[in-house]
């Protein structure tokens, strides 16, 4: 990236800090984790009670291992659902940081920085994305569940949104 593009990236990252995104996302993750643990235990208890009631009529009991397996299964399901909510919220924060980057460094610099990332993404075989693009989930156009779990909107969508903003 050239100096102008780096200014756009720095503006974007400063906007994340100014918006309190790291703290907000950490707190939101904690709330989601608490709900996942509580709801998983509640659901496991309800299912265990239903199974226990049926087994008690037949003269059998329910083991702790069965309850633990139910709780673990519910935790996995609820955490996937919670991750979808977190990813949606994260994508909204990315749009806000892009707008902040455009305010701080200029809309054209922010667009140019995203286009530079897009050019890099297009040059690389999608099966072997650079670790930086993989880690920040800013590469490709996943579909299905993976699209719901991505933390960043697609680059072309981010660029299009910035292009509709009035020039700063």
C-alpha atoms as a PDB file:
ATOM      1  CA  UNK A   1       0.000   0.000   0.000  1.00  0.00           C
ATOM      2  CA  UNK A   2       1.098   3.544  -0.585  1.00  0.00           C
ATOM      3  CA  UNK A   3       0.995   6.351   2.018  1.00  0.00           C
ATOM      4  CA  UNK A   4      -2.551   7.404   1.042  1.00  0.00           C
ATOM      5  CA  UNK A   5      -3.875   3.862   1.474  1.00  0.00           C
ATOM      6  CA  UNK A   6      -2.055   3.389   4.765  1.00  0.00           C
ATOM      7  CA  UNK A   7      -3.688   6.627   5.968  1.00  0.00           C
ATOM      8  CA  UNK A   8      -7.075   5.073   5.111  1.00  0.00           C
ATOM      9  CA  UNK A   9      -6.246   1.901   7.065  1.00  0.00           C
ATOM     10  CA  UNK A  10      -5.027   3.922  10.060  1.00  0.00           C
ATOM     11  CA  UNK A  11      -8.191   6.039   9.929  1.00  0.00           C
ATOM     12  CA  UNK A  12     -10.267   2.851   9.930  1.00  0.00           C
ATOM     13  CA  UNK A  13      -8.382   1.435  12.926  1.00  0.00           C
ATOM     14  CA  UNK A  14      -8.566   4.737  14.823  1.00  0.00           C
ATOM     15  CA  UNK A  15     -12.324   4.726  14.211  1.00  0.00           C
ATOM     16  CA  UNK A  16     -12.496   1.256  15.800  1.00  0.00           C
ATOM     17  CA  UNK A  17     -10.752   2.661  18.880  1.00  0.00           C
ATOM     18  CA  UNK A  18     -12.902   5.817  18.954  1.00  0.00           C
ATOM     19  CA  UNK A  19     -16.073   3.730  18.629  1.00  0.00           C
ATOM     20  CA  UNK A  20     -14.975   1.443  21.481  1.00  0.00           C
ATOM     21  CA  UNK A  21     -15.357  -1.599  19.255  1.00  0.00           C
ATOM     22  CA  UNK A  22     -12.857  -3.837  21.059  1.00  0.00           C
ATOM     23  CA  UNK A  23     -14.443  -3.275  24.458  1.00  0.00           C
ATOM     24  CA  UNK A  24     -17.962  -3.573  23.064  1.00  0.00           C
ATOM     25  CA  UNK A  25     -17.230  -6.830  21.276  1.00  0.00           C
ATOM     26  CA  UNK A  26     -15.462  -8.290  24.335  1.00  0.00           C
ATOM     27  CA  UNK A  27     -18.425  -7.430  26.561  1.00  0.00           C
ATOM     28  CA  UNK A  28     -20.889  -8.774  24.023  1.00  0.00           C
ATOM     29  CA  UNK A  29     -18.899 -12.017  23.781  1.00  0.00           C
ATOM     30  CA  UNK A  30     -19.058 -12.348  27.568  1.00  0.00           C
ATOM     31  CA  UNK A  31     -22.823 -11.831  27.586  1.00  0.00           C
ATOM     32  CA  UNK A  32     -23.288 -14.371  24.792  1.00  0.00           C
ATOM     33  CA  UNK A  33     -21.100 -16.888  26.651  1.00  0.00           C
ATOM     34  CA  UNK A  34     -23.140 -16.431  29.831  1.00  0.00           C
ATOM     35  CA  UNK A  35     -26.405 -16.971  27.952  1.00  0.00           C
ATOM     36  CA  UNK A  36     -24.987 -20.012  26.162  1.00  0.00           C
ATOM     37  CA  UNK A  37     -23.930 -21.652  29.428  1.00  0.00           C
ATOM     38  CA  UNK A  38     -27.207 -20.830  31.198  1.00  0.00           C
ATOM     39  CA  UNK A  39     -29.484 -21.876  28.332  1.00  0.00           C
ATOM     40  CA  UNK A  40     -27.492 -25.065  27.668  1.00  0.00           C
ATOM     41  CA  UNK A  41     -27.794 -26.127  31.289  1.00  0.00           C
ATOM     42  CA  UNK A  42     -31.478 -25.242  31.355  1.00  0.00           C
ATOM     43  CA  UNK A  43     -32.194 -27.153  28.139  1.00  0.00           C
ATOM     44  CA  UNK A  44     -30.118 -30.147  29.265  1.00  0.00           C
ATOM     45  CA  UNK A  45     -31.966 -30.209  32.577  1.00  0.00           C
ATOM     46  CA  UNK A  46     -35.350 -30.060  30.837  1.00  0.00           C
ATOM     47  CA  UNK A  47     -34.466 -32.863  28.434  1.00  0.00           C
ATOM     48  CA  UNK A  48     -32.891 -34.910  31.233  1.00  0.00           C
ATOM     49  CA  UNK A  49     -36.040 -34.520  33.337  1.00  0.00           C
ATOM     50  CA  UNK A  50     -38.198 -35.634  30.411  1.00  0.00           C
ATOM     51  CA  UNK A  51     -35.948 -38.647  29.788  1.00  0.00           C
ATOM     52  CA  UNK A  52     -35.718 -39.408  33.513  1.00  0.00           C
ATOM     53  CA  UNK A  53     -39.481 -39.320  33.879  1.00  0.00           C
ATOM     54  CA  UNK A  54     -39.871 -41.773  31.024  1.00  0.00           C
ATOM     55  CA  UNK A  55     -37.124 -44.042  32.402  1.00  0.00           C
ATOM     56  CA  UNK A  56     -38.453 -43.874  35.976  1.00  0.00           C
ATOM     57  CA  UNK A  57     -41.730 -45.310  34.738  1.00  0.00           C
ATOM     58  CA  UNK A  58     -39.732 -48.186  33.216  1.00  0.00           C
ATOM     59  CA  UNK A  59     -37.482 -48.544  36.249  1.00  0.00           C
ATOM     60  CA  UNK A  60     -34.266 -46.934  34.910  1.00  0.00           C
ATOM     61  CA  UNK A  61     -32.326 -43.808  35.838  1.00  0.00           C
ATOM     62  CA  UNK A  62     -30.387 -41.144  33.964  1.00  0.00           C
ATOM     63  CA  UNK A  63     -26.643 -40.939  34.343  1.00  0.00           C
ATOM     64  CA  UNK A  64     -24.643 -37.797  34.944  1.00  0.00           C
ATOM     65  CA  UNK A  65     -22.764 -38.589  31.738  1.00  0.00           C
ATOM     66  CA  UNK A  66     -25.985 -38.324  29.717  1.00  0.00           C
ATOM     67  CA  UNK A  67     -26.741 -34.934  31.280  1.00  0.00           C
ATOM     68  CA  UNK A  68     -23.187 -33.749  30.533  1.00  0.00           C
ATOM     69  CA  UNK A  69     -23.426 -34.904  26.902  1.00  0.00           C
ATOM     70  CA  UNK A  70     -26.759 -33.094  26.511  1.00  0.00           C
ATOM     71  CA  UNK A  71     -25.307 -29.927  28.029  1.00  0.00           C
ATOM     72  CA  UNK A  72     -22.271 -30.065  25.748  1.00  0.00           C
ATOM     73  CA  UNK A  73     -24.421 -30.595  22.651  1.00  0.00           C
ATOM     74  CA  UNK A  74     -26.643 -27.650  23.593  1.00  0.00           C
ATOM     75  CA  UNK A  75     -23.573 -25.473  24.250  1.00  0.00           C
ATOM     76  CA  UNK A  76     -22.267 -26.195  20.748  1.00  0.00           C
ATOM     77  CA  UNK A  77     -25.610 -25.384  19.122  1.00  0.00           C
ATOM     78  CA  UNK A  78     -26.177 -22.236  21.181  1.00  0.00           C
ATOM     79  CA  UNK A  79     -22.591 -21.015  20.655  1.00  0.00           C
ATOM     80  CA  UNK A  80     -22.994 -21.308  16.889  1.00  0.00           C
ATOM     81  CA  UNK A  81     -26.197 -19.263  17.148  1.00  0.00           C
ATOM     82  CA  UNK A  82     -24.429 -16.742  19.391  1.00  0.00           C
ATOM     83  CA  UNK A  83     -21.499 -16.535  16.987  1.00  0.00           C
ATOM     84  CA  UNK A  84     -23.874 -15.649  14.167  1.00  0.00           C
ATOM     85  CA  UNK A  85     -25.227 -12.752  16.245  1.00  0.00           C
ATOM     86  CA  UNK A  86     -21.700 -11.610  17.156  1.00  0.00           C
ATOM     87  CA  UNK A  87     -20.551 -11.763  13.537  1.00  0.00           C
ATOM     88  CA  UNK A  88     -23.576  -9.738  12.389  1.00  0.00           C
ATOM     89  CA  UNK A  89     -22.803  -7.099  15.014  1.00  0.00           C
ATOM     90  CA  UNK A  90     -19.114  -7.118  14.028  1.00  0.00           C
ATOM     91  CA  UNK A  91     -19.991  -6.524  10.362  1.00  0.00           C
ATOM     92  CA  UNK A  92     -22.063  -3.496  11.365  1.00  0.00           C
ATOM     93  CA  UNK A  93     -19.084  -2.167  13.371  1.00  0.00           C
ATOM     94  CA  UNK A  94     -16.851  -2.592  10.317  1.00  0.00           C
ATOM     95  CA  UNK A  95     -19.122  -0.362   8.249  1.00  0.00           C
ATOM     96  CA  UNK A  96     -18.961   2.242  11.033  1.00  0.00           C
ATOM     97  CA  UNK A  97     -15.161   2.003  11.132  1.00  0.00           C
ATOM     98  CA  UNK A  98     -15.025   2.411   7.342  1.00  0.00           C
ATOM     99  CA  UNK A  99     -17.127   5.561   7.632  1.00  0.00           C
ATOM    100  CA  UNK A 100     -14.871   6.779  10.448  1.00  0.00           C
ATOM    101  CA  UNK A 101     -11.787   6.025   8.359  1.00  0.00           C
ATOM    102  CA  UNK A 102     -13.310   8.062   5.546  1.00  0.00           C
ATOM    103  CA  UNK A 103     -13.916  10.964   7.948  1.00  0.00           C
ATOM    104  CA  UNK A 104     -10.414  10.810   9.447  1.00  0.00           C
ATOM    105  CA  UNK A 105      -8.332  10.134   6.341  1.00  0.00           C
ATOM    106  CA  UNK A 106     -10.668  10.949   3.471  1.00  0.00           C
ATOM    107  CA  UNK A 107     -13.187   8.850   1.599  1.00  0.00           C
ATOM    108  CA  UNK A 108     -10.929   8.327  -1.414  1.00  0.00           C
ATOM    109  CA  UNK A 109      -8.055   7.079   0.763  1.00  0.00           C
ATOM    110  CA  UNK A 110     -10.337   4.641   2.532  1.00  0.00           C
ATOM    111  CA  UNK A 111     -11.753   3.353  -0.760  1.00  0.00           C
ATOM    112  CA  UNK A 112      -8.249   3.056  -2.210  1.00  0.00           C
ATOM    113  CA  UNK A 113      -7.088   1.020   0.799  1.00  0.00           C
ATOM    114  CA  UNK A 114     -10.016  -1.387   0.442  1.00  0.00           C
ATOM    115  CA  UNK A 115      -9.382  -1.671  -3.286  1.00  0.00           C
ATOM    116  CA  UNK A 116      -5.742  -2.534  -2.572  1.00  0.00           C
ATOM    117  CA  UNK A 117      -6.910  -5.354  -0.291  1.00  0.00           C
ATOM    118  CA  UNK A 118      -9.354  -6.447  -2.972  1.00  0.00           C
ATOM    119  CA  UNK A 119      -6.596  -6.574  -5.614  1.00  0.00           C
ATOM    120  CA  UNK A 120      -4.483  -8.685  -3.259  1.00  0.00           C
ATOM    121  CA  UNK A 121      -7.419 -10.992  -2.644  1.00  0.00           C
ATOM    122  CA  UNK A 122      -8.052 -11.410  -6.380  1.00  0.00           C
ATOM    123  CA  UNK A 123      -4.400 -12.324  -7.078  1.00  0.00           C
ATOM    124  CA  UNK A 124      -4.315 -15.108  -4.521  1.00  0.00           C
ATOM    125  CA  UNK A 125      -5.701 -18.600  -4.998  1.00  0.00           C
ATOM    126  CA  UNK A 126      -8.806 -18.706  -2.723  1.00  0.00           C
ATOM    127  CA  UNK A 127      -7.711 -22.061  -1.292  1.00  0.00           C
ATOM    128  CA  UNK A 128      -4.442 -20.554  -0.076  1.00  0.00           C
ATOM    129  CA  UNK A 129      -5.370 -17.074   1.153  1.00  0.00           C
ATOM    130  CA  UNK A 130      -2.614 -15.259   3.025  1.00  0.00           C
ATOM    131  CA  UNK A 131      -2.892 -15.786   6.794  1.00  0.00           C
ATOM    132  CA  UNK A 132      -3.643 -12.058   7.293  1.00  0.00           C
ATOM    133  CA  UNK A 133      -6.711 -12.259   5.074  1.00  0.00           C
ATOM    134  CA  UNK A 134      -7.811 -15.488   6.736  1.00  0.00           C
ATOM    135  CA  UNK A 135      -7.339 -14.153  10.263  1.00  0.00           C
ATOM    136  CA  UNK A 136      -9.327 -10.990   9.632  1.00  0.00           C
ATOM    137  CA  UNK A 137     -11.950 -12.831   7.578  1.00  0.00           C
ATOM    138  CA  UNK A 138     -11.874 -10.191   4.852  1.00  0.00           C
ATOM    139  CA  UNK A 139     -11.328 -12.521   1.933  1.00  0.00           C
ATOM    140  CA  UNK A 140     -13.649 -14.239  -0.494  1.00  0.00           C
ATOM    141  CA  UNK A 141     -17.387 -14.623  -0.633  1.00  0.00           C
ATOM    142  CA  UNK A 142     -18.333 -17.536   1.595  1.00  0.00           C
ATOM    143  CA  UNK A 143     -21.850 -18.896   1.355  1.00  0.00           C
ATOM    144  CA  UNK A 144     -24.241 -20.533   3.770  1.00  0.00           C
ATOM    145  CA  UNK A 145     -23.247 -20.728   7.412  1.00  0.00           C
ATOM    146  CA  UNK A 146     -19.748 -19.398   6.700  1.00  0.00           C
ATOM    147  CA  UNK A 147     -21.245 -16.184   5.293  1.00  0.00           C
ATOM    148  CA  UNK A 148     -23.143 -15.740   8.559  1.00  0.00           C
ATOM    149  CA  UNK A 149     -19.982 -16.309  10.617  1.00  0.00           C
ATOM    150  CA  UNK A 150     -17.714 -13.824   8.815  1.00  0.00           C
ATOM    151  CA  UNK A 151     -16.664 -10.858  10.954  1.00  0.00           C
ATOM    152  CA  UNK A 152     -16.113  -8.448   8.038  1.00  0.00           C
ATOM    153  CA  UNK A 153     -18.456  -7.617   5.150  1.00  0.00           C
ATOM    154  CA  UNK A 154     -17.192  -8.419   1.633  1.00  0.00           C
ATOM    155  CA  UNK A 155     -14.746  -5.808   0.337  1.00  0.00           C
ATOM    156  CA  UNK A 156     -16.886  -4.948  -2.698  1.00  0.00           C
ATOM    157  CA  UNK A 157     -19.864  -4.221  -0.444  1.00  0.00           C
ATOM    158  CA  UNK A 158     -17.736  -2.018   1.812  1.00  0.00           C
ATOM    159  CA  UNK A 159     -16.355  -0.117  -1.198  1.00  0.00           C
ATOM    160  CA  UNK A 160     -19.832   0.366  -2.671  1.00  0.00           C
ATOM    161  CA  UNK A 161     -21.126   1.724   0.634  1.00  0.00           C
ATOM    162  CA  UNK A 162     -18.248   4.196   0.874  1.00  0.00           C
ATOM    163  CA  UNK A 163     -18.802   5.299  -2.726  1.00  0.00           C
ATOM    164  CA  UNK A 164     -22.387   6.271  -1.884  1.00  0.00           C
ATOM    165  CA  UNK A 165     -21.198   8.475   0.994  1.00  0.00           C
ATOM    166  CA  UNK A 166     -20.837  12.156   0.289  1.00  0.00           C
ATOM    167  CA  UNK A 167     -17.190  13.125  -0.172  1.00  0.00           C
ATOM    168  CA  UNK A 168     -15.519  14.339   3.004  1.00  0.00           C
END
